[in-house]
Amino acid sequence: MKFSLITAVTALSTLASGMVVLDTDTDFVGKIFRPEIGIQIHEAYPDRPYWPINEARVYRWNRSNSGGMLLGFKLPGSKKNCKSCTISFSDATSAIGSRTMKLFTTGGYPAYGDTWNKKPHTNVHIGTFQTSPSGSGPAKVLEDYGLTFDCPKTATSYGYEVQPDDDYDSVTWDCSTGGFIITCG
């Protein structure tokens, strides 16, 4: 009996050592992460909530009547494959005026029902972008105060607010094909 138990344990150990251990780490090198939520906010309608949308727009006319966007990204964790993540912008569907936008972190993740007056607080200015006159292609980074950051080791949510930069400014994009993205570099 002892011999067959030792034989069984040895056989199972040999079998187990040949098994492949699955790596559960998320490999997102080269992947593009788009916002999971985009909420339009309007200064002219400060308490009106808007449904999340794919077509995003930031604008300002004559120092008033501004419109901004709240964006929420959810990134899986990466323990070894991706060290730094970068936020960029490309492929606006239209751009007029100065074509510039400021990107801020927010003090929370955007949610359905957020408005100009009720939203996560605007936190840190991390960058300013200027789209091309046609809107197509990557936007030029005018200011970079933290557009590259350490990728999360565990699943993490990030909230951002996009605001127009100049007095006469409008940029529109489709969140499903362009606009702000996060990539692993």
C-alpha atoms as a PDB file:
ATOM      1  CA  MET A   1       0.000   0.000   0.000  1.00  0.00           C
ATOM      2  CA  LYS A   2       2.823   2.407   0.864  1.00  0.00           C
ATOM      3  CA  PHE A   3       4.520   1.637  -2.416  1.00  0.00           C
ATOM      4  CA  SER A   4       1.416   2.394  -4.491  1.00  0.00           C
ATOM      5  CA  LEU A   5       0.779   5.656  -2.574  1.00  0.00           C
ATOM      6  CA  ILE A   6       4.361   6.791  -3.191  1.00  0.00           C
ATOM      7  CA  THR A   7       4.062   5.774  -6.832  1.00  0.00           C
ATOM      8  CA  ALA A   8       0.783   7.697  -7.184  1.00  0.00           C
ATOM      9  CA  VAL A   9       2.229  10.843  -5.580  1.00  0.00           C
ATOM     10  CA  THR A  10       5.317  10.630  -7.806  1.00  0.00           C
ATOM     11  CA  ALA A  11       3.191  10.148 -10.908  1.00  0.00           C
ATOM     12  CA  LEU A  12       0.941  13.102  -9.995  1.00  0.00           C
ATOM     13  CA  SER A  13       3.974  15.318  -9.277  1.00  0.00           C
ATOM     14  CA  THR A  14       5.465  14.461 -12.647  1.00  0.00           C
ATOM     15  CA  LEU A  15       2.158  15.170 -14.365  1.00  0.00           C
ATOM     16  CA  ALA A  16       1.679  18.467 -12.485  1.00  0.00           C
ATOM     17  CA  SER A  17       5.202  19.691 -13.290  1.00  0.00           C
ATOM     18  CA  GLY A  18       4.454  19.329 -16.996  1.00  0.00           C
ATOM     19  CA  MET A  19       1.340  21.521 -16.790  1.00  0.00           C
ATOM     20  CA  VAL A  20       1.516  25.073 -18.085  1.00  0.00           C
ATOM     21  CA  VAL A  21       0.617  27.752 -15.559  1.00  0.00           C
ATOM     22  CA  LEU A  22      -1.589  30.337 -17.207  1.00  0.00           C
ATOM     23  CA  ASP A  23      -0.361  33.913 -16.986  1.00  0.00           C
ATOM     24  CA  THR A  24      -3.282  36.072 -15.924  1.00  0.00           C
ATOM     25  CA  ASP A  25      -1.382  39.347 -16.438  1.00  0.00           C
ATOM     26  CA  THR A  26      -3.017  41.579 -19.006  1.00  0.00           C
ATOM     27  CA  ASP A  27      -0.811  42.265 -21.976  1.00  0.00           C
ATOM     28  CA  PHE A  28      -1.936  45.593 -23.357  1.00  0.00           C
ATOM     29  CA  VAL A  29       1.209  46.671 -25.124  1.00  0.00           C
ATOM     30  CA  GLY A  30       0.013  48.304 -28.341  1.00  0.00           C
ATOM     31  CA  LYS A  31      -3.674  48.286 -27.389  1.00  0.00           C
ATOM     32  CA  ILE A  32      -5.768  51.431 -27.625  1.00  0.00           C
ATOM     33  CA  PHE A  33      -8.100  52.266 -24.762  1.00  0.00           C
ATOM     34  CA  ARG A  34     -11.004  54.554 -25.563  1.00  0.00           C
ATOM     35  CA  PRO A  35     -13.265  56.218 -23.006  1.00  0.00           C
ATOM     36  CA  GLU A  36     -15.965  53.972 -21.624  1.00  0.00           C
ATOM     37  CA  ILE A  37     -18.115  57.013 -20.887  1.00  0.00           C
ATOM     38  CA  GLY A  38     -18.343  60.500 -22.380  1.00  0.00           C
ATOM     39  CA  ILE A  39     -20.643  63.099 -20.828  1.00  0.00           C
ATOM     40  CA  GLN A  40     -21.260  66.486 -22.450  1.00  0.00           C
ATOM     41  CA  ILE A  41     -21.530  69.433 -20.028  1.00  0.00           C
ATOM     42  CA  HIS A  42     -22.808  72.904 -20.975  1.00  0.00           C
ATOM     43  CA  GLU A  43     -22.338  76.228 -19.197  1.00  0.00           C
ATOM     44  CA  ALA A  44     -25.584  77.588 -20.698  1.00  0.00           C
ATOM     45  CA  TYR A  45     -27.532  74.647 -19.207  1.00  0.00           C
ATOM     46  CA  PRO A  46     -25.600  74.075 -15.979  1.00  0.00           C
ATOM     47  CA  ASP A  47     -28.077  71.716 -14.332  1.00  0.00           C
ATOM     48  CA  ARG A  48     -29.214  69.729 -17.370  1.00  0.00           C
ATOM     49  CA  PRO A  49     -27.798  66.206 -17.521  1.00  0.00           C
ATOM     50  CA  TYR A  50     -27.009  64.750 -20.931  1.00  0.00           C
ATOM     51  CA  TRP A  51     -26.860  61.099 -21.880  1.00  0.00           C
ATOM     52  CA  PRO A  52     -23.436  59.621 -22.538  1.00  0.00           C
ATOM     53  CA  ILE A  53     -22.506  60.083 -26.182  1.00  0.00           C
ATOM     54  CA  ASN A  54     -20.012  58.965 -28.797  1.00  0.00           C
ATOM     55  CA  GLU A  55     -19.816  62.335 -30.534  1.00  0.00           C
ATOM     56  CA  ALA A  56     -17.926  64.653 -28.229  1.00  0.00           C
ATOM     57  CA  ARG A  57     -17.508  68.416 -28.509  1.00  0.00           C
ATOM     58  CA  VAL A  58     -15.739  71.175 -26.631  1.00  0.00           C
ATOM     59  CA  TYR A  59     -16.391  74.808 -27.534  1.00  0.00           C
ATOM     60  CA  ARG A  60     -16.372  78.413 -26.332  1.00  0.00           C
ATOM     61  CA  TRP A  61     -17.687  81.568 -28.000  1.00  0.00           C
ATOM     62  CA  ASN A  62     -16.989  85.102 -26.742  1.00  0.00           C
ATOM     63  CA  ARG A  63     -15.734  84.070 -23.292  1.00  0.00           C
ATOM     64  CA  SER A  64     -19.018  82.405 -22.432  1.00  0.00           C
ATOM     65  CA  ASN A  65     -21.332  79.667 -23.577  1.00  0.00           C
ATOM     66  CA  SER A  66     -18.686  76.987 -23.029  1.00  0.00           C
ATOM     67  CA  GLY A  67     -19.141  73.279 -23.458  1.00  0.00           C
ATOM     68  CA  GLY A  68     -16.843  70.592 -22.145  1.00  0.00           C
ATOM     69  CA  MET A  69     -16.584  66.829 -21.898  1.00  0.00           C
ATOM     70  CA  LEU A  70     -16.177  64.418 -19.031  1.00  0.00           C
ATOM     71  CA  LEU A  71     -14.351  61.235 -20.071  1.00  0.00           C
ATOM     72  CA  GLY A  72     -13.935  58.011 -18.137  1.00  0.00           C
ATOM     73  CA  PHE A  73     -11.354  55.344 -18.952  1.00  0.00           C
ATOM     74  CA  LYS A  74     -11.057  51.900 -17.343  1.00  0.00           C
ATOM     75  CA  LEU A  75      -7.708  50.154 -17.728  1.00  0.00           C
ATOM     76  CA  PRO A  76      -6.966  46.572 -16.758  1.00  0.00           C
ATOM     77  CA  GLY A  77      -3.897  45.999 -14.626  1.00  0.00           C
ATOM     78  CA  SER A  78      -0.535  45.074 -16.078  1.00  0.00           C
ATOM     79  CA  LYS A  79       2.047  43.709 -13.681  1.00  0.00           C
ATOM     80  CA  LYS A  80       4.900  43.319 -16.129  1.00  0.00           C
ATOM     81  CA  ASN A  81       4.046  43.996 -19.753  1.00  0.00           C
ATOM     82  CA  CYS A  82       3.359  47.705 -19.766  1.00  0.00           C
ATOM     83  CA  LYS A  83       5.283  50.230 -17.727  1.00  0.00           C
ATOM     84  CA  SER A  84       4.045  53.605 -19.016  1.00  0.00           C
ATOM     85  CA  CYS A  85       0.722  54.768 -20.445  1.00  0.00           C
ATOM     86  CA  THR A  86       0.243  57.881 -22.587  1.00  0.00           C
ATOM     87  CA  ILE A  87      -2.816  60.004 -23.322  1.00  0.00           C
ATOM     88  CA  SER A  88      -3.052  61.391 -26.849  1.00  0.00           C
ATOM     89  CA  PHE A  89      -5.630  62.862 -29.226  1.00  0.00           C
ATOM     90  CA  SER A  90      -6.206  62.346 -32.948  1.00  0.00           C
ATOM     91  CA  ASP A  91      -8.765  62.535 -35.719  1.00  0.00           C
ATOM     92  CA  ALA A  92     -11.226  65.266 -34.842  1.00  0.00           C
ATOM     93  CA  THR A  93     -14.283  65.282 -37.109  1.00  0.00           C
ATOM     94  CA  SER A  94     -14.284  69.095 -37.138  1.00  0.00           C
ATOM     95  CA  ALA A  95     -12.104  71.833 -35.694  1.00  0.00           C
ATOM     96  CA  ILE A  96     -12.477  75.626 -35.980  1.00  0.00           C
ATOM     97  CA  GLY A  97     -11.059  78.642 -34.219  1.00  0.00           C
ATOM     98  CA  SER A  98      -7.945  78.011 -32.159  1.00  0.00           C
ATOM     99  CA  ARG A  99      -8.652  74.238 -32.214  1.00  0.00           C
ATOM    100  CA  THR A 100      -7.095  73.858 -28.755  1.00  0.00           C
ATOM    101  CA  MET A 101      -8.257  71.870 -25.735  1.00  0.00           C
ATOM    102  CA  LYS A 102      -7.026  71.531 -22.168  1.00  0.00           C
ATOM    103  CA  LEU A 103      -7.115  68.143 -20.448  1.00  0.00           C
ATOM    104  CA  PHE A 104      -7.564  67.893 -16.667  1.00  0.00           C
ATOM    105  CA  THR A 105      -7.785  64.991 -14.268  1.00  0.00           C
ATOM    106  CA  THR A 106     -10.944  64.914 -12.168  1.00  0.00           C
ATOM    107  CA  GLY A 107     -11.568  64.084  -8.542  1.00  0.00           C
ATOM    108  CA  GLY A 108     -13.720  61.099  -9.489  1.00  0.00           C
ATOM    109  CA  TYR A 109     -15.087  59.010 -12.334  1.00  0.00           C
ATOM    110  CA  PRO A 110     -17.831  60.599 -14.515  1.00  0.00           C
ATOM    111  CA  ALA A 111     -21.321  59.184 -14.132  1.00  0.00           C
ATOM    112  CA  TYR A 112     -24.738  59.400 -15.744  1.00  0.00           C
ATOM    113  CA  GLY A 113     -26.453  62.539 -14.478  1.00  0.00           C
ATOM    114  CA  ASP A 114     -23.316  64.681 -14.169  1.00  0.00           C
ATOM    115  CA  THR A 115     -23.823  68.326 -15.190  1.00  0.00           C
ATOM    116  CA  TRP A 116     -21.800  71.541 -15.412  1.00  0.00           C
ATOM    117  CA  ASN A 117     -22.737  72.243 -11.760  1.00  0.00           C
ATOM    118  CA  LYS A 118     -22.679  68.644 -10.473  1.00  0.00           C
ATOM    119  CA  LYS A 119     -19.624  66.698 -11.584  1.00  0.00           C
ATOM    120  CA  PRO A 120     -16.347  65.410 -10.193  1.00  0.00           C
ATOM    121  CA  HIS A 121     -14.176  68.425  -9.388  1.00  0.00           C
ATOM    122  CA  THR A 122     -11.645  69.563 -11.964  1.00  0.00           C
ATOM    123  CA  ASN A 123      -8.282  68.589 -10.571  1.00  0.00           C
ATOM    124  CA  VAL A 124      -4.891  68.905 -12.318  1.00  0.00           C
ATOM    125  CA  HIS A 125      -4.172  70.361 -15.779  1.00  0.00           C
ATOM    126  CA  ILE A 126      -2.068  67.669 -17.470  1.00  0.00           C
ATOM    127  CA  GLY A 127      -1.917  68.826 -21.081  1.00  0.00           C
ATOM    128  CA  THR A 128      -3.028  71.073 -23.918  1.00  0.00           C
ATOM    129  CA  PHE A 129      -3.651  69.820 -27.466  1.00  0.00           C
ATOM    130  CA  GLN A 130      -4.135  71.579 -30.803  1.00  0.00           C
ATOM    131  CA  THR A 131      -5.761  69.739 -33.679  1.00  0.00           C
ATOM    132  CA  SER A 132      -4.761  70.278 -37.289  1.00  0.00           C
ATOM    133  CA  PRO A 133      -6.880  72.725 -39.352  1.00  0.00           C
ATOM    134  CA  SER A 134      -8.560  69.755 -41.043  1.00  0.00           C
ATOM    135  CA  GLY A 135      -8.897  67.888 -37.736  1.00  0.00           C
ATOM    136  CA  SER A 136      -7.396  64.704 -39.161  1.00  0.00           C
ATOM    137  CA  GLY A 137      -4.273  63.083 -37.779  1.00  0.00           C
ATOM    138  CA  PRO A 138      -2.686  63.419 -34.377  1.00  0.00           C
ATOM    139  CA  ALA A 139      -3.077  66.636 -32.427  1.00  0.00           C
ATOM    140  CA  LYS A 140      -0.001  68.655 -31.532  1.00  0.00           C
ATOM    141  CA  VAL A 141       0.837  68.623 -27.818  1.00  0.00           C
ATOM    142  CA  LEU A 142       1.309  72.255 -26.749  1.00  0.00           C
ATOM    143  CA  GLU A 143       1.756  71.548 -23.023  1.00  0.00           C
ATOM    144  CA  ASP A 144       2.620  68.265 -21.319  1.00  0.00           C
ATOM    145  CA  TYR A 145       2.324  68.240 -17.530  1.00  0.00           C
ATOM    146  CA  GLY A 146       1.712  64.523 -17.102  1.00  0.00           C
ATOM    147  CA  LEU A 147       0.329  62.937 -20.263  1.00  0.00           C
ATOM    148  CA  THR A 148       2.539  59.892 -19.624  1.00  0.00           C
ATOM    149  CA  PHE A 149       2.075  58.017 -16.351  1.00  0.00           C
ATOM    150  CA  ASP A 150       2.799  54.629 -14.791  1.00  0.00           C
ATOM    151  CA  CYS A 151       0.340  52.028 -16.048  1.00  0.00           C
ATOM    152  CA  PRO A 152      -1.792  50.565 -13.283  1.00  0.00           C
ATOM    153  CA  LYS A 153      -0.826  47.216 -11.753  1.00  0.00           C
ATOM    154  CA  THR A 154      -4.501  46.462 -11.037  1.00  0.00           C
ATOM    155  CA  ALA A 155      -7.698  47.472 -12.833  1.00  0.00           C
ATOM    156  CA  THR A 156      -8.095  51.245 -12.399  1.00  0.00           C
ATOM    157  CA  SER A 157     -10.592  53.920 -13.468  1.00  0.00           C
ATOM    158  CA  TYR A 158      -9.484  57.379 -14.609  1.00  0.00           C
ATOM    159  CA  GLY A 159     -11.658  60.477 -14.934  1.00  0.00           C
ATOM    160  CA  TYR A 160     -10.833  63.483 -17.128  1.00  0.00           C
ATOM    161  CA  GLU A 161     -12.403  66.783 -18.102  1.00  0.00           C
ATOM    162  CA  VAL A 162     -11.743  68.402 -21.486  1.00  0.00           C
ATOM    163  CA  GLN A 163     -12.218  72.176 -21.774  1.00  0.00           C
ATOM    164  CA  PRO A 164     -11.790  74.580 -24.677  1.00  0.00           C
ATOM    165  CA  ASP A 165      -8.629  76.635 -24.407  1.00  0.00           C
ATOM    166  CA  ASP A 166      -9.331  79.842 -26.293  1.00  0.00           C
ATOM    167  CA  ASP A 167     -12.119  82.373 -26.729  1.00  0.00           C
ATOM    168  CA  TYR A 168     -13.201  81.178 -30.157  1.00  0.00           C
ATOM    169  CA  ASP A 169     -12.777  77.439 -30.188  1.00  0.00           C
ATOM    170  CA  SER A 170     -14.598  74.274 -31.243  1.00  0.00           C
ATOM    171  CA  VAL A 171     -13.392  70.687 -31.602  1.00  0.00           C
ATOM    172  CA  THR A 172     -15.666  67.706 -32.290  1.00  0.00           C
ATOM    173  CA  TRP A 173     -14.707  64.037 -32.414  1.00  0.00           C
ATOM    174  CA  ASP A 174     -16.211  60.558 -32.455  1.00  0.00           C
ATOM    175  CA  CYS A 175     -15.108  58.694 -29.306  1.00  0.00           C
ATOM    176  CA  SER A 176     -15.428  55.329 -31.059  1.00  0.00           C
ATOM    177  CA  THR A 177     -12.940  56.185 -33.829  1.00  0.00           C
ATOM    178  CA  GLY A 178     -10.841  59.145 -32.665  1.00  0.00           C
ATOM    179  CA  GLY A 179     -10.374  61.672 -29.906  1.00  0.00           C
ATOM    180  CA  PHE A 180      -8.644  60.977 -26.628  1.00  0.00           C
ATOM    181  CA  ILE A 181      -7.080  57.558 -26.143  1.00  0.00           C
ATOM    182  CA  ILE A 182      -4.674  55.901 -23.742  1.00  0.00           C
ATOM    183  CA  THR A 183      -1.941  53.624 -25.097  1.00  0.00           C
ATOM    184  CA  CYS A 184       0.825  51.594 -23.547  1.00  0.00           C
ATOM    185  CA  GLY A 185       4.319  52.564 -24.614  1.00  0.00           C
END
